[in-house]
Amino acid sequence: MWTSGQTENVSRTGVLFRGGRRVKVGTALEIHFLLSAGMRPGTVSDLVCDGKVVRTVEPVDPDEVPAVAATIGEYFVRHQSGPVV
């Protein structure tokens, strides 16, 4: 099941994000980061990563979903042309 999320922190080995639903620790993930190509307007790179949930962080506000901390394992970059969706 695909869902969008908001990245809160990213490092070489992991990412902390808030998504649209709760995710259990140990769940395998495929994470996509859409990156602007900067000097080439209309071009983006899709960084595709395999990951695994290592912890969740409960929100302070009950209307928010928990943050999810996931490791980043293998990854590759896919270049795209056209508008960012």
Protein backbone atom coordinates (compact mmCIF):
# COMPACT_ATOMS: atom_id res chain seq x y z
CA MET A 1 0.00 0.00 0.00
CA TRP A 2 1.45 3.37 -1.04
CA THR A 3 1.19 6.46 1.12
CA SER A 4 2.79 9.89 1.11
CA GLY A 5 4.74 11.24 4.04
CA GLN A 6 6.57 14.27 5.35
CA THR A 7 10.30 13.84 5.97
CA GLU A 8 11.47 15.22 9.32
CA ASN A 9 15.10 14.12 9.26
CA VAL A 10 17.28 12.16 6.85
CA SER A 11 20.82 10.84 7.15
CA ARG A 12 23.11 8.50 5.24
CA THR A 13 21.66 5.43 6.98
CA GLY A 14 18.09 6.35 7.89
CA VAL A 15 15.07 8.59 7.73
CA LEU A 16 12.46 9.90 10.19
CA PHE A 17 9.10 10.72 8.62
CA ARG A 18 5.37 11.04 9.31
CA GLY A 19 3.08 9.18 6.93
CA GLY A 20 -0.62 8.71 6.53
CA ARG A 21 -0.87 5.64 8.76
CA ARG A 22 0.77 3.64 11.56
CA VAL A 23 3.54 1.21 10.60
CA LYS A 24 4.77 -1.66 12.78
CA VAL A 25 8.44 -2.02 13.80
CA GLY A 26 10.11 -4.56 11.52
CA THR A 27 7.99 -3.66 8.46
CA ALA A 28 9.95 -3.61 5.18
CA LEU A 29 9.52 -0.39 3.18
CA GLU A 30 10.25 1.00 -0.24
CA ILE A 31 10.95 4.71 0.21
CA HIS A 32 11.05 7.25 -2.63
CA PHE A 33 12.65 10.69 -2.36
CA LEU A 34 11.91 13.04 -5.27
CA LEU A 35 14.89 15.34 -5.75
CA SER A 36 15.03 18.44 -7.92
CA ALA A 37 17.79 18.37 -10.52
CA GLY A 38 18.52 22.06 -9.81
CA MET A 39 20.20 23.33 -12.97
CA ARG A 40 17.92 21.38 -15.34
CA PRO A 41 14.33 22.66 -14.92
CA GLY A 42 11.66 20.01 -15.41
CA THR A 43 13.95 17.15 -14.44
CA VAL A 44 13.76 15.26 -11.15
CA SER A 45 15.57 12.27 -9.70
CA ASP A 46 13.69 9.59 -7.83
CA LEU A 47 15.91 8.09 -5.12
CA VAL A 48 14.42 4.64 -4.48
CA CYS A 49 15.48 2.99 -1.19
CA ASP A 50 14.79 -0.28 0.55
CA GLY A 51 14.22 0.28 4.25
CA LYS A 52 12.99 -1.28 7.47
CA VAL A 53 11.08 0.34 10.33
CA VAL A 54 13.22 0.37 13.49
CA ARG A 55 11.04 2.49 15.81
CA THR A 56 7.99 4.72 16.00
CA VAL A 57 7.67 8.00 17.90
CA GLU A 58 4.24 8.79 19.35
CA PRO A 59 2.96 12.30 18.53
CA VAL A 60 2.38 15.00 21.13
CA ASP A 61 -0.81 16.08 19.32
CA PRO A 62 -3.45 13.29 19.24
CA ASP A 63 -4.55 14.44 15.75
CA GLU A 64 -1.13 13.56 14.25
CA VAL A 65 0.20 10.15 13.26
CA PRO A 66 3.37 8.74 14.83
CA ALA A 67 6.76 9.42 13.30
CA VAL A 68 8.48 6.40 11.78
CA ALA A 69 12.24 5.83 11.93
CA ALA A 70 13.52 3.53 9.19
CA THR A 71 16.93 2.33 8.09
CA ILE A 72 18.03 2.85 4.49
CA GLY A 73 19.66 -0.15 2.86
CA GLU A 74 20.10 -0.63 -0.87
CA TYR A 75 19.15 2.26 -3.15
CA PHE A 76 19.28 3.48 -6.74
CA VAL A 77 18.51 6.70 -8.61
CA ARG A 78 15.96 6.90 -11.43
CA HIS A 79 16.06 10.11 -13.51
CA GLN A 80 12.79 11.49 -14.88
CA SER A 81 11.78 14.30 -17.21
CA GLY A 82 8.53 16.20 -17.01
CA PRO A 83 6.45 17.72 -14.24
CA VAL A 84 6.77 16.51 -10.66
CA VAL A 85 3.59 14.69 -9.67
